Amino acid sequence: MLKIYGIKNCNSMKKAFDALQAKGLSYEFHDYKKQGIDADTLKIWLKEIGQDTVLNKKGTTWRKLSEDEQTRALSSEDHLIEALIAQPSLIKRPVLQTSKGFLVGFDETAYQNLSA
């Protein structure tokens, strides 16, 4: 089964939900605004996906951080994980976990190519 992580009211998430439903694919939704996100999951993402993909530097949440907070978050994996847990909006959305790996961000073509 697919598992999608994100925030319910995000536009990219809405597109992803619509694409999955249009294909008739079932999925589990993890709202990390309400449910949080754990360090072990983030470690896996950082290892398999990479910091540059997981961390949403284009988002408002990142831009609102002070320069010191940004520098600290980027200084080590542990500090980045602390920042992502404290402010899950720093995580690029959606993160879709499939049997073949992860899709991060909404890419219509990639979602159209998904299968059950």
PDB file of N, CA and C in Angstrom:
ATOM      1  N   MET A   1       0.835  -1.184   0.000  1.00  0.00           N
ATOM      2  CA  MET A   1       0.000   0.000   0.000  1.00  0.00           C
ATOM      3  C   MET A   1       0.882   1.251   0.000  1.00  0.00           C
ATOM      4  N   LEU A   2       0.409   2.269  -0.663  1.00  0.00           N
ATOM      5  CA  LEU A   2       1.106   3.540  -0.709  1.00  0.00           C
ATOM      6  C   LEU A   2       0.887   4.296   0.600  1.00  0.00           C
ATOM      7  N   LYS A   3       1.889   5.069   0.977  1.00  0.00           N
ATOM      8  CA  LYS A   3       1.750   5.925   2.152  1.00  0.00           C
ATOM      9  C   LYS A   3       2.188   7.319   1.737  1.00  0.00           C
ATOM     10  N   ILE A   4       1.321   8.291   1.991  1.00  0.00           N
ATOM     11  CA  ILE A   4       1.622   9.661   1.606  1.00  0.00           C
ATOM     12  C   ILE A   4       1.702  10.530   2.855  1.00  0.00           C
ATOM     13  N   TYR A   5       2.774  11.300   2.926  1.00  0.00           N
ATOM     14  CA  TYR A   5       3.027  12.177   4.068  1.00  0.00           C
ATOM     15  C   TYR A   5       2.861  13.623   3.624  1.00  0.00           C
ATOM     16  N   GLY A   6       2.284  14.433   4.500  1.00  0.00           N
ATOM     17  CA  GLY A   6       2.156  15.842   4.176  1.00  0.00           C
ATOM     18  C   GLY A   6       1.203  16.549   5.108  1.00  0.00           C
ATOM     19  N   ILE A   7       0.637  17.632   4.592  1.00  0.00           N
ATOM     20  CA  ILE A   7      -0.299  18.469   5.326  1.00  0.00           C
ATOM     21  C   ILE A   7      -1.575  18.536   4.499  1.00  0.00           C
ATOM     22  N   LYS A   8      -2.690  18.241   5.121  1.00  0.00           N
ATOM     23  CA  LYS A   8      -3.954  18.066   4.401  1.00  0.00           C
ATOM     24  C   LYS A   8      -4.323  19.229   3.487  1.00  0.00           C
ATOM     25  N   ASN A   9      -4.152  20.454   3.926  1.00  0.00           N
ATOM     26  CA  ASN A   9      -4.646  21.600   3.164  1.00  0.00           C
ATOM     27  C   ASN A   9      -3.640  22.212   2.192  1.00  0.00           C
ATOM     28  N   CYS A  10      -2.576  21.519   1.902  1.00  0.00           N
ATOM     29  CA  CYS A  10      -1.558  22.002   0.968  1.00  0.00           C
ATOM     30  C   CYS A  10      -2.023  21.745  -0.476  1.00  0.00           C
ATOM     31  N   ASN A  11      -1.816  22.701  -1.368  1.00  0.00           N
ATOM     32  CA  ASN A  11      -2.242  22.540  -2.767  1.00  0.00           C
ATOM     33  C   ASN A  11      -1.582  21.351  -3.450  1.00  0.00           C
ATOM     34  N   SER A  12      -0.291  21.136  -3.201  1.00  0.00           N
ATOM     35  CA  SER A  12       0.402  19.987  -3.802  1.00  0.00           C
ATOM     36  C   SER A  12      -0.181  18.678  -3.295  1.00  0.00           C
ATOM     37  N   MET A  13      -0.561  18.676  -2.024  1.00  0.00           N
ATOM     38  CA  MET A  13      -1.176  17.482  -1.451  1.00  0.00           C
ATOM     39  C   MET A  13      -2.521  17.210  -2.112  1.00  0.00           C
ATOM     40  N   LYS A  14      -3.308  18.255  -2.319  1.00  0.00           N
ATOM     41  CA  LYS A  14      -4.621  18.086  -2.949  1.00  0.00           C
ATOM     42  C   LYS A  14      -4.473  17.496  -4.352  1.00  0.00           C
ATOM     43  N   LYS A  15      -3.470  17.973  -5.090  1.00  0.00           N
ATOM     44  CA  LYS A  15      -3.212  17.426  -6.430  1.00  0.00           C
ATOM     45  C   LYS A  15      -2.830  15.953  -6.340  1.00  0.00           C
ATOM     46  N   ALA A  16      -1.997  15.621  -5.357  1.00  0.00           N
ATOM     47  CA  ALA A  16      -1.567  14.231  -5.182  1.00  0.00           C
ATOM     48  C   ALA A  16      -2.747  13.338  -4.813  1.00  0.00           C
ATOM     49  N   PHE A  17      -3.580  13.785  -3.869  1.00  0.00           N
ATOM     50  CA  PHE A  17      -4.768  13.006  -3.492  1.00  0.00           C
ATOM     51  C   PHE A  17      -5.659  12.776  -4.706  1.00  0.00           C
ATOM     52  N   ASP A  18      -5.901  13.835  -5.482  1.00  0.00           N
ATOM     53  CA  ASP A  18      -6.754  13.720  -6.675  1.00  0.00           C
ATOM     54  C   ASP A  18      -6.172  12.730  -7.675  1.00  0.00           C
ATOM     55  N   ALA A  19      -4.853  12.787  -7.883  1.00  0.00           N
ATOM     56  CA  ALA A  19      -4.202  11.888  -8.841  1.00  0.00           C
ATOM     57  C   ALA A  19      -4.296  10.436  -8.382  1.00  0.00           C
ATOM     58  N   LEU A  20      -4.090  10.190  -7.093  1.00  0.00           N
ATOM     59  CA  LEU A  20      -4.181   8.825  -6.565  1.00  0.00           C
ATOM     60  C   LEU A  20      -5.608   8.302  -6.671  1.00  0.00           C
ATOM     61  N   GLN A  21      -6.574   9.150  -6.344  1.00  0.00           N
ATOM     62  CA  GLN A  21      -7.977   8.733  -6.423  1.00  0.00           C
ATOM     63  C   GLN A  21      -8.399   8.492  -7.869  1.00  0.00           C
ATOM     64  N   ALA A  22      -7.925   9.318  -8.799  1.00  0.00           N
ATOM     65  CA  ALA A  22      -8.264   9.153 -10.215  1.00  0.00           C
ATOM     66  C   ALA A  22      -7.757   7.815 -10.749  1.00  0.00           C
ATOM     67  N   LYS A  23      -6.632   7.352 -10.200  1.00  0.00           N
ATOM     68  CA  LYS A  23      -6.077   6.057 -10.614  1.00  0.00           C
ATOM     69  C   LYS A  23      -6.670   4.901  -9.823  1.00  0.00           C
ATOM     70  N   GLY A  24      -7.488   5.212  -8.836  1.00  0.00           N
ATOM     71  CA  GLY A  24      -8.099   4.172  -8.016  1.00  0.00           C
ATOM     72  C   GLY A  24      -7.118   3.506  -7.070  1.00  0.00           C
ATOM     73  N   LEU A  25      -6.063   4.226  -6.703  1.00  0.00           N
ATOM     74  CA  LEU A  25      -5.048   3.660  -5.811  1.00  0.00           C
ATOM     75  C   LEU A  25      -5.390   3.966  -4.356  1.00  0.00           C
ATOM     76  N   SER A  26      -5.312   2.947  -3.519  1.00  0.00           N
ATOM     77  CA  SER A  26      -5.550   3.171  -2.096  1.00  0.00           C
ATOM     78  C   SER A  26      -4.242   3.608  -1.445  1.00  0.00           C
ATOM     79  N   TYR A  27      -4.367   4.390  -0.402  1.00  0.00           N
ATOM     80  CA  TYR A  27      -3.187   4.920   0.270  1.00  0.00           C
ATOM     81  C   TYR A  27      -3.518   5.228   1.722  1.00  0.00           C
ATOM     82  N   GLU A  28      -2.473   5.306   2.509  1.00  0.00           N
ATOM     83  CA  GLU A  28      -2.584   5.748   3.896  1.00  0.00           C
ATOM     84  C   GLU A  28      -2.021   7.158   3.950  1.00  0.00           C
ATOM     85  N   PHE A  29      -2.728   8.065   4.600  1.00  0.00           N
ATOM     86  CA  PHE A  29      -2.278   9.448   4.713  1.00  0.00           C
ATOM     87  C   PHE A  29      -1.745   9.709   6.111  1.00  0.00           C
ATOM     88  N   HIS A  30      -0.529  10.254   6.172  1.00  0.00           N
ATOM     89  CA  HIS A  30       0.079  10.645   7.446  1.00  0.00           C
ATOM     90  C   HIS A  30       0.210  12.171   7.439  1.00  0.00           C
ATOM     91  N   ASP A  31      -0.604  12.827   8.250  1.00  0.00           N
ATOM     92  CA  ASP A  31      -0.578  14.288   8.357  1.00  0.00           C
ATOM     93  C   ASP A  31       0.438  14.664   9.428  1.00  0.00           C
ATOM     94  N   TYR A  32       1.638  15.073   8.990  1.00  0.00           N
ATOM     95  CA  TYR A  32       2.648  15.342  10.000  1.00  0.00           C
ATOM     96  C   TYR A  32       2.458  16.676  10.710  1.00  0.00           C
ATOM     97  N   LYS A  33       1.470  17.437  10.342  1.00  0.00           N
ATOM     98  CA  LYS A  33       1.091  18.618  11.126  1.00  0.00           C
ATOM     99  C   LYS A  33       0.333  18.168  12.372  1.00  0.00           C
ATOM    100  N   LYS A  34      -0.531  17.149  12.210  1.00  0.00           N
ATOM    101  CA  LYS A  34      -1.341  16.652  13.324  1.00  0.00           C
ATOM    102  C   LYS A  34      -0.677  15.489  14.047  1.00  0.00           C
ATOM    103  N   GLN A  35      -0.049  14.583  13.286  1.00  0.00           N
ATOM    104  CA  GLN A  35       0.516  13.366  13.869  1.00  0.00           C
ATOM    105  C   GLN A  35       1.996  13.493  14.202  1.00  0.00           C
ATOM    106  N   GLY A  36       2.636  14.534  13.711  1.00  0.00           N
ATOM    107  CA  GLY A  36       4.066  14.682  13.907  1.00  0.00           C
ATOM    108  C   GLY A  36       4.840  13.765  12.970  1.00  0.00           C
ATOM    109  N   ILE A  37       6.134  13.813  13.093  1.00  0.00           N
ATOM    110  CA  ILE A  37       7.017  12.958  12.294  1.00  0.00           C
ATOM    111  C   ILE A  37       8.167  12.553  13.209  1.00  0.00           C
ATOM    112  N   ASP A  38       8.584  11.303  13.129  1.00  0.00           N
ATOM    113  CA  ASP A  38       9.608  10.826  14.059  1.00  0.00           C
ATOM    114  C   ASP A  38      11.001  10.870  13.432  1.00  0.00           C
ATOM    115  N   ALA A  39      11.996  10.883  14.299  1.00  0.00           N
ATOM    116  CA  ALA A  39      13.388  10.992  13.871  1.00  0.00           C
ATOM    117  C   ALA A  39      13.808   9.816  12.998  1.00  0.00           C
ATOM    118  N   ASP A  40      13.336   8.610  13.299  1.00  0.00           N
ATOM    119  CA  ASP A  40      13.731   7.439  12.509  1.00  0.00           C
ATOM    120  C   ASP A  40      13.256   7.553  11.064  1.00  0.00           C
ATOM    121  N   THR A  41      12.026   8.012  10.868  1.00  0.00           N
ATOM    122  CA  THR A  41      11.504   8.203   9.510  1.00  0.00           C
ATOM    123  C   THR A  41      12.333   9.250   8.778  1.00  0.00           C
ATOM    124  N   LEU A  42      12.636  10.349   9.456  1.00  0.00           N
ATOM    125  CA  LEU A  42      13.425  11.412   8.832  1.00  0.00           C
ATOM    126  C   LEU A  42      14.826  10.936   8.471  1.00  0.00           C
ATOM    127  N   LYS A  43      15.435  10.107   9.318  1.00  0.00           N
ATOM    128  CA  LYS A  43      16.768   9.565   9.006  1.00  0.00           C
ATOM    129  C   LYS A  43      16.726   8.739   7.729  1.00  0.00           C
ATOM    130  N   ILE A  44      15.683   7.929   7.579  1.00  0.00           N
ATOM    131  CA  ILE A  44      15.527   7.122   6.361  1.00  0.00           C
ATOM    132  C   ILE A  44      15.386   8.041   5.158  1.00  0.00           C
ATOM    133  N   TRP A  45      14.529   9.045   5.263  1.00  0.00           N
ATOM    134  CA  TRP A  45      14.330   9.974   4.150  1.00  0.00           C
ATOM    135  C   TRP A  45      15.623  10.681   3.779  1.00  0.00           C
ATOM    136  N   LEU A  46      16.353  11.164   4.774  1.00  0.00           N
ATOM    137  CA  LEU A  46      17.593  11.886   4.490  1.00  0.00           C
ATOM    138  C   LEU A  46      18.618  10.977   3.823  1.00  0.00           C
ATOM    139  N   LYS A  47      18.643   9.713   4.236  1.00  0.00           N
ATOM    140  CA  LYS A  47      19.581   8.759   3.636  1.00  0.00           C
ATOM    141  C   LYS A  47      19.158   8.397   2.212  1.00  0.00           C
ATOM    142  N   GLU A  48      17.879   8.083   2.014  1.00  0.00           N
ATOM    143  CA  GLU A  48      17.417   7.577   0.722  1.00  0.00           C
ATOM    144  C   GLU A  48      17.043   8.675  -0.275  1.00  0.00           C
ATOM    145  N   ILE A  49      16.578   9.804   0.214  1.00  0.00           N
ATOM    146  CA  ILE A  49      16.115  10.874  -0.665  1.00  0.00           C
ATOM    147  C   ILE A  49      17.127  12.014  -0.733  1.00  0.00           C
ATOM    148  N   GLY A  50      17.726  12.326   0.410  1.00  0.00           N
ATOM    149  CA  GLY A  50      18.710  13.406   0.463  1.00  0.00           C
ATOM    150  C   GLY A  50      18.145  14.691   1.053  1.00  0.00           C
ATOM    151  N   GLN A  51      19.016  15.396   1.732  1.00  0.00           N
ATOM    152  CA  GLN A  51      18.653  16.640   2.418  1.00  0.00           C
ATOM    153  C   GLN A  51      18.099  17.681   1.450  1.00  0.00           C
ATOM    154  N   ASP A  52      18.720  17.820   0.287  1.00  0.00           N
ATOM    155  CA  ASP A  52      18.296  18.860  -0.656  1.00  0.00           C
ATOM    156  C   ASP A  52      16.885  18.634  -1.177  1.00  0.00           C
ATOM    157  N   THR A  53      16.443  17.381  -1.195  1.00  0.00           N
ATOM    158  CA  THR A  53      15.089  17.074  -1.656  1.00  0.00           C
ATOM    159  C   THR A  53      14.084  17.158  -0.513  1.00  0.00           C
ATOM    160  N   VAL A  54      14.459  16.695   0.663  1.00  0.00           N
ATOM    161  CA  VAL A  54      13.541  16.666   1.808  1.00  0.00           C
ATOM    162  C   VAL A  54      13.259  18.075   2.342  1.00  0.00           C
ATOM    163  N   LEU A  55      14.289  18.897   2.441  1.00  0.00           N
ATOM    164  CA  LEU A  55      14.153  20.231   3.027  1.00  0.00           C
ATOM    165  C   LEU A  55      13.618  21.211   1.986  1.00  0.00           C
ATOM    166  N   ASN A  56      12.500  21.837   2.306  1.00  0.00           N
ATOM    167  CA  ASN A  56      11.870  22.797   1.397  1.00  0.00           C
ATOM    168  C   ASN A  56      12.395  24.202   1.683  1.00  0.00           C
ATOM    169  N   LYS A  57      13.477  24.567   1.002  1.00  0.00           N
ATOM    170  CA  LYS A  57      14.069  25.888   1.209  1.00  0.00           C
ATOM    171  C   LYS A  57      13.300  26.992   0.486  1.00  0.00           C
ATOM    172  N   LYS A  58      12.382  26.616  -0.383  1.00  0.00           N
ATOM    173  CA  LYS A  58      11.601  27.621  -1.116  1.00  0.00           C
ATOM    174  C   LYS A  58      10.364  28.066  -0.342  1.00  0.00           C
ATOM    175  N   GLY A  59      10.030  27.332   0.697  1.00  0.00           N
ATOM    176  CA  GLY A  59       8.807  27.609   1.447  1.00  0.00           C
ATOM    177  C   GLY A  59       8.929  28.773   2.409  1.00  0.00           C
ATOM    178  N   THR A  60       7.780  29.273   2.791  1.00  0.00           N
ATOM    179  CA  THR A  60       7.693  30.398   3.721  1.00  0.00           C
ATOM    180  C   THR A  60       8.324  30.062   5.067  1.00  0.00           C
ATOM    181  N   THR A  61       8.120  28.840   5.538  1.00  0.00           N
ATOM    182  CA  THR A  61       8.636  28.459   6.863  1.00  0.00           C
ATOM    183  C   THR A  61      10.152  28.596   6.908  1.00  0.00           C
ATOM    184  N   TRP A  62      10.843  28.136   5.867  1.00  0.00           N
ATOM    185  CA  TRP A  62      12.310  28.246   5.806  1.00  0.00           C
ATOM    186  C   TRP A  62      12.724  29.713   5.758  1.00  0.00           C
ATOM    187  N   ARG A  63      12.050  30.481   4.940  1.00  0.00           N
ATOM    188  CA  ARG A  63      12.422  31.890   4.771  1.00  0.00           C
ATOM    189  C   ARG A  63      12.178  32.695   6.045  1.00  0.00           C
ATOM    190  N   LYS A  64      11.241  32.246   6.875  1.00  0.00           N
ATOM    191  CA  LYS A  64      10.955  32.950   8.130  1.00  0.00           C
ATOM    192  C   LYS A  64      11.963  32.625   9.232  1.00  0.00           C
ATOM    193  N   LEU A  65      12.743  31.564   9.055  1.00  0.00           N
ATOM    194  CA  LEU A  65      13.767  31.239  10.050  1.00  0.00           C
ATOM    195  C   LEU A  65      14.866  32.299  10.003  1.00  0.00           C
ATOM    196  N   SER A  66      15.446  32.574  11.144  1.00  0.00           N
ATOM    197  CA  SER A  66      16.577  33.504  11.170  1.00  0.00           C
ATOM    198  C   SER A  66      17.773  32.845  10.485  1.00  0.00           C
ATOM    199  N   GLU A  67      18.737  33.648  10.117  1.00  0.00           N
ATOM    200  CA  GLU A  67      19.946  33.113   9.488  1.00  0.00           C
ATOM    201  C   GLU A  67      20.638  32.123  10.427  1.00  0.00           C
ATOM    202  N   ASP A  68      20.644  32.425  11.720  1.00  0.00           N
ATOM    203  CA  ASP A  68      21.251  31.522  12.705  1.00  0.00           C
ATOM    204  C   ASP A  68      20.511  30.184  12.757  1.00  0.00           C
ATOM    205  N   GLU A  69      19.167  30.226  12.711  1.00  0.00           N
ATOM    206  CA  GLU A  69      18.381  28.988  12.731  1.00  0.00           C
ATOM    207  C   GLU A  69      18.633  28.163  11.469  1.00  0.00           C
ATOM    208  N   GLN A  70      18.730  28.825  10.332  1.00  0.00           N
ATOM    209  CA  GLN A  70      19.015  28.114   9.082  1.00  0.00           C
ATOM    210  C   GLN A  70      20.401  27.477   9.129  1.00  0.00           C
ATOM    211  N   THR A  71      21.379  28.240   9.600  1.00  0.00           N
ATOM    212  CA  THR A  71      22.751  27.733   9.687  1.00  0.00           C
ATOM    213  C   THR A  71      22.819  26.536  10.624  1.00  0.00           C
ATOM    214  N   ARG A  72      22.149  26.628  11.762  1.00  0.00           N
ATOM    215  CA  ARG A  72      22.142  25.515  12.720  1.00  0.00           C
ATOM    216  C   ARG A  72      21.491  24.283  12.101  1.00  0.00           C
ATOM    217  N   ALA A  73      20.357  24.458  11.437  1.00  0.00           N
ATOM    218  CA  ALA A  73      19.658  23.318  10.833  1.00  0.00           C
ATOM    219  C   ALA A  73      20.543  22.613   9.814  1.00  0.00           C
ATOM    220  N   LEU A  74      21.346  23.371   9.098  1.00  0.00           N
ATOM    221  CA  LEU A  74      22.198  22.786   8.055  1.00  0.00           C
ATOM    222  C   LEU A  74      23.546  22.297   8.578  1.00  0.00           C
ATOM    223  N   SER A  75      23.829  22.525   9.862  1.00  0.00           N
ATOM    224  CA  SER A  75      25.148  22.192  10.403  1.00  0.00           C
ATOM    225  C   SER A  75      25.362  20.700  10.648  1.00  0.00           C
ATOM    226  N   SER A  76      24.276  19.941  10.831  1.00  0.00           N
ATOM    227  CA  SER A  76      24.405  18.492  11.025  1.00  0.00           C
ATOM    228  C   SER A  76      23.057  17.831  10.768  1.00  0.00           C
ATOM    229  N   GLU A  77      23.104  16.528  10.534  1.00  0.00           N
ATOM    230  CA  GLU A  77      21.854  15.792  10.320  1.00  0.00           C
ATOM    231  C   GLU A  77      20.963  15.860  11.557  1.00  0.00           C
ATOM    232  N   ASP A  78      21.558  15.745  12.738  1.00  0.00           N
ATOM    233  CA  ASP A  78      20.769  15.794  13.975  1.00  0.00           C
ATOM    234  C   ASP A  78      20.057  17.134  14.137  1.00  0.00           C
ATOM    235  N   HIS A  79      20.759  18.224  13.826  1.00  0.00           N
ATOM    236  CA  HIS A  79      20.134  19.545  13.935  1.00  0.00           C
ATOM    237  C   HIS A  79      19.030  19.718  12.894  1.00  0.00           C
ATOM    238  N   LEU A  80      19.242  19.174  11.704  1.00  0.00           N
ATOM    239  CA  LEU A  80      18.209  19.256  10.672  1.00  0.00           C
ATOM    240  C   LEU A  80      16.970  18.469  11.105  1.00  0.00           C
ATOM    241  N   ILE A  81      17.188  17.279  11.641  1.00  0.00           N
ATOM    242  CA  ILE A  81      16.069  16.459  12.112  1.00  0.00           C
ATOM    243  C   ILE A  81      15.303  17.189  13.215  1.00  0.00           C
ATOM    244  N   GLU A  82      16.022  17.824  14.140  1.00  0.00           N
ATOM    245  CA  GLU A  82      15.365  18.616  15.192  1.00  0.00           C
ATOM    246  C   GLU A  82      14.468  19.686  14.575  1.00  0.00           C
ATOM    247  N   ALA A  83      14.992  20.386  13.572  1.00  0.00           N
ATOM    248  CA  ALA A  83      14.233  21.463  12.921  1.00  0.00           C
ATOM    249  C   ALA A  83      13.004  20.912  12.202  1.00  0.00           C
ATOM    250  N   LEU A  84      13.158  19.772  11.516  1.00  0.00           N
ATOM    251  CA  LEU A  84      12.046  19.177  10.772  1.00  0.00           C
ATOM    252  C   LEU A  84      10.948  18.667  11.710  1.00  0.00           C
ATOM    253  N   ILE A  85      11.344  18.131  12.857  1.00  0.00           N
ATOM    254  CA  ILE A  85      10.361  17.673  13.844  1.00  0.00           C
ATOM    255  C   ILE A  85       9.632  18.878  14.452  1.00  0.00           C
ATOM    256  N   ALA A  86      10.386  19.924  14.766  1.00  0.00           N
ATOM    257  CA  ALA A  86       9.796  21.116  15.383  1.00  0.00           C
ATOM    258  C   ALA A  86       8.877  21.861  14.417  1.00  0.00           C
ATOM    259  N   GLN A  87       9.255  21.855  13.126  1.00  0.00           N
ATOM    260  CA  GLN A  87       8.480  22.588  12.121  1.00  0.00           C
ATOM    261  C   GLN A  87       8.322  21.721  10.874  1.00  0.00           C
ATOM    262  N   PRO A  88       7.375  20.797  10.892  1.00  0.00           N
ATOM    263  CA  PRO A  88       7.218  19.876   9.767  1.00  0.00           C
ATOM    264  C   PRO A  88       6.909  20.557   8.434  1.00  0.00           C
ATOM    265  N   SER A  89       6.506  21.827   8.471  1.00  0.00           N
ATOM    266  CA  SER A  89       6.275  22.548   7.216  1.00  0.00           C
ATOM    267  C   SER A  89       7.575  22.765   6.444  1.00  0.00           C
ATOM    268  N   LEU A  90       8.706  22.490   7.080  1.00  0.00           N
ATOM    269  CA  LEU A  90       9.999  22.571   6.388  1.00  0.00           C
ATOM    270  C   LEU A  90      10.205  21.395   5.433  1.00  0.00           C
ATOM    271  N   ILE A  91       9.381  20.358   5.559  1.00  0.00           N
ATOM    272  CA  ILE A  91       9.513  19.167   4.714  1.00  0.00           C
ATOM    273  C   ILE A  91       8.761  19.406   3.411  1.00  0.00           C
ATOM    274  N   LYS A  92       9.435  19.134   2.307  1.00  0.00           N
ATOM    275  CA  LYS A  92       8.788  19.274   0.999  1.00  0.00           C
ATOM    276  C   LYS A  92       7.614  18.301   0.923  1.00  0.00           C
ATOM    277  N   ARG A  93       6.537  18.741   0.261  1.00  0.00           N
ATOM    278  CA  ARG A  93       5.327  17.932   0.192  1.00  0.00           C
ATOM    279  C   ARG A  93       4.904  17.716  -1.248  1.00  0.00           C
ATOM    280  N   PRO A  94       4.213  16.615  -1.441  1.00  0.00           N
ATOM    281  CA  PRO A  94       4.058  15.448  -0.574  1.00  0.00           C
ATOM    282  C   PRO A  94       5.283  14.542  -0.631  1.00  0.00           C
ATOM    283  N   VAL A  95       5.392  13.661   0.347  1.00  0.00           N
ATOM    284  CA  VAL A  95       6.352  12.558   0.296  1.00  0.00           C
ATOM    285  C   VAL A  95       5.503  11.299   0.139  1.00  0.00           C
ATOM    286  N   LEU A  96       5.646  10.643  -0.992  1.00  0.00           N
ATOM    287  CA  LEU A  96       4.886   9.423  -1.278  1.00  0.00           C
ATOM    288  C   LEU A  96       5.828   8.233  -1.206  1.00  0.00           C
ATOM    289  N   GLN A  97       5.525   7.310  -0.307  1.00  0.00           N
ATOM    290  CA  GLN A  97       6.320   6.093  -0.160  1.00  0.00           C
ATOM    291  C   GLN A  97       5.637   4.989  -0.953  1.00  0.00           C
ATOM    292  N   THR A  98       6.391   4.414  -1.898  1.00  0.00           N
ATOM    293  CA  THR A  98       5.883   3.319  -2.719  1.00  0.00           C
ATOM    294  C   THR A  98       6.750   2.092  -2.474  1.00  0.00           C
ATOM    295  N   SER A  99       6.387   0.982  -3.069  1.00  0.00           N
ATOM    296  CA  SER A  99       7.201  -0.231  -2.922  1.00  0.00           C
ATOM    297  C   SER A  99       8.552  -0.075  -3.619  1.00  0.00           C
ATOM    298  N   LYS A 100       8.667   0.898  -4.510  1.00  0.00           N
ATOM    299  CA  LYS A 100       9.902   1.108  -5.271  1.00  0.00           C
ATOM    300  C   LYS A 100      10.742   2.259  -4.736  1.00  0.00           C
ATOM    301  N   GLY A 101      10.258   2.952  -3.709  1.00  0.00           N
ATOM    302  CA  GLY A 101      11.012   4.081  -3.176  1.00  0.00           C
ATOM    303  C   GLY A 101      10.103   5.253  -2.866  1.00  0.00           C
ATOM    304  N   PHE A 102      10.613   6.451  -3.072  1.00  0.00           N
ATOM    305  CA  PHE A 102       9.901   7.663  -2.692  1.00  0.00           C
ATOM    306  C   PHE A 102       9.736   8.611  -3.873  1.00  0.00           C
ATOM    307  N   LEU A 103       8.608   9.313  -3.884  1.00  0.00           N
ATOM    308  CA  LEU A 103       8.385  10.447  -4.777  1.00  0.00           C
ATOM    309  C   LEU A 103       8.184  11.656  -3.876  1.00  0.00           C
ATOM    310  N   VAL A 104       8.929  12.717  -4.138  1.00  0.00           N
ATOM    311  CA  VAL A 104       8.828  13.914  -3.308  1.00  0.00           C
ATOM    312  C   VAL A 104       8.402  15.088  -4.177  1.00  0.00           C
ATOM    313  N   GLY A 105       7.398  15.812  -3.716  1.00  0.00           N
ATOM    314  CA  GLY A 105       6.815  16.879  -4.516  1.00  0.00           C
ATOM    315  C   GLY A 105       5.805  16.256  -5.471  1.00  0.00           C
ATOM    316  N   PHE A 106       4.907  17.054  -5.991  1.00  0.00           N
ATOM    317  CA  PHE A 106       3.910  16.507  -6.909  1.00  0.00           C
ATOM    318  C   PHE A 106       4.401  16.635  -8.338  1.00  0.00           C
ATOM    319  N   ASP A 107       4.532  15.491  -9.004  1.00  0.00           N
ATOM    320  CA  ASP A 107       4.900  15.422 -10.421  1.00  0.00           C
ATOM    321  C   ASP A 107       3.796  14.625 -11.100  1.00  0.00           C
ATOM    322  N   GLU A 108       2.986  15.304 -11.900  1.00  0.00           N
ATOM    323  CA  GLU A 108       1.809  14.673 -12.500  1.00  0.00           C
ATOM    324  C   GLU A 108       2.169  13.425 -13.296  1.00  0.00           C
ATOM    325  N   THR A 109       3.240  13.480 -14.077  1.00  0.00           N
ATOM    326  CA  THR A 109       3.644  12.327 -14.887  1.00  0.00           C
ATOM    327  C   THR A 109       4.025  11.148 -14.008  1.00  0.00           C
ATOM    328  N   ALA A 110       4.789  11.410 -12.961  1.00  0.00           N
ATOM    329  CA  ALA A 110       5.203  10.337 -12.054  1.00  0.00           C
ATOM    330  C   ALA A 110       3.985   9.696 -11.391  1.00  0.00           C
ATOM    331  N   TYR A 111       3.021  10.498 -11.002  1.00  0.00           N
ATOM    332  CA  TYR A 111       1.813   9.963 -10.370  1.00  0.00           C
ATOM    333  C   TYR A 111       0.974   9.177 -11.375  1.00  0.00           C
ATOM    334  N   GLN A 112       0.943   9.610 -12.631  1.00  0.00           N
ATOM    335  CA  GLN A 112       0.191   8.878 -13.656  1.00  0.00           C
ATOM    336  C   GLN A 112       0.810   7.508 -13.924  1.00  0.00           C
ATOM    337  N   ASN A 113       2.116   7.389 -13.696  1.00  0.00           N
ATOM    338  CA  ASN A 113       2.815   6.128 -13.946  1.00  0.00           C
ATOM    339  C   ASN A 113       2.772   5.162 -12.767  1.00  0.00           C
ATOM    340  N   LEU A 114       2.165   5.562 -11.661  1.00  0.00           N
ATOM    341  CA  LEU A 114       2.063   4.677 -10.498  1.00  0.00           C
ATOM    342  C   LEU A 114       1.114   3.524 -10.783  1.00  0.00           C
ATOM    343  N   SER A 115       1.415   2.399 -10.156  1.00  0.00           N
ATOM    344  CA  SER A 115       0.503   1.257 -10.246  1.00  0.00           C
ATOM    345  C   SER A 115       0.322   0.670  -8.853  1.00  0.00           C
ATOM    346  N   ALA A 116      -0.734  -0.109  -8.707  1.00  0.00           N
ATOM    347  CA  ALA A 116      -1.064  -0.687  -7.397  1.00  0.00           C
ATOM    348  C   ALA A 116      -0.030  -1.704  -6.967  1.00  0.00           C
TER     349      ALA A 116
END
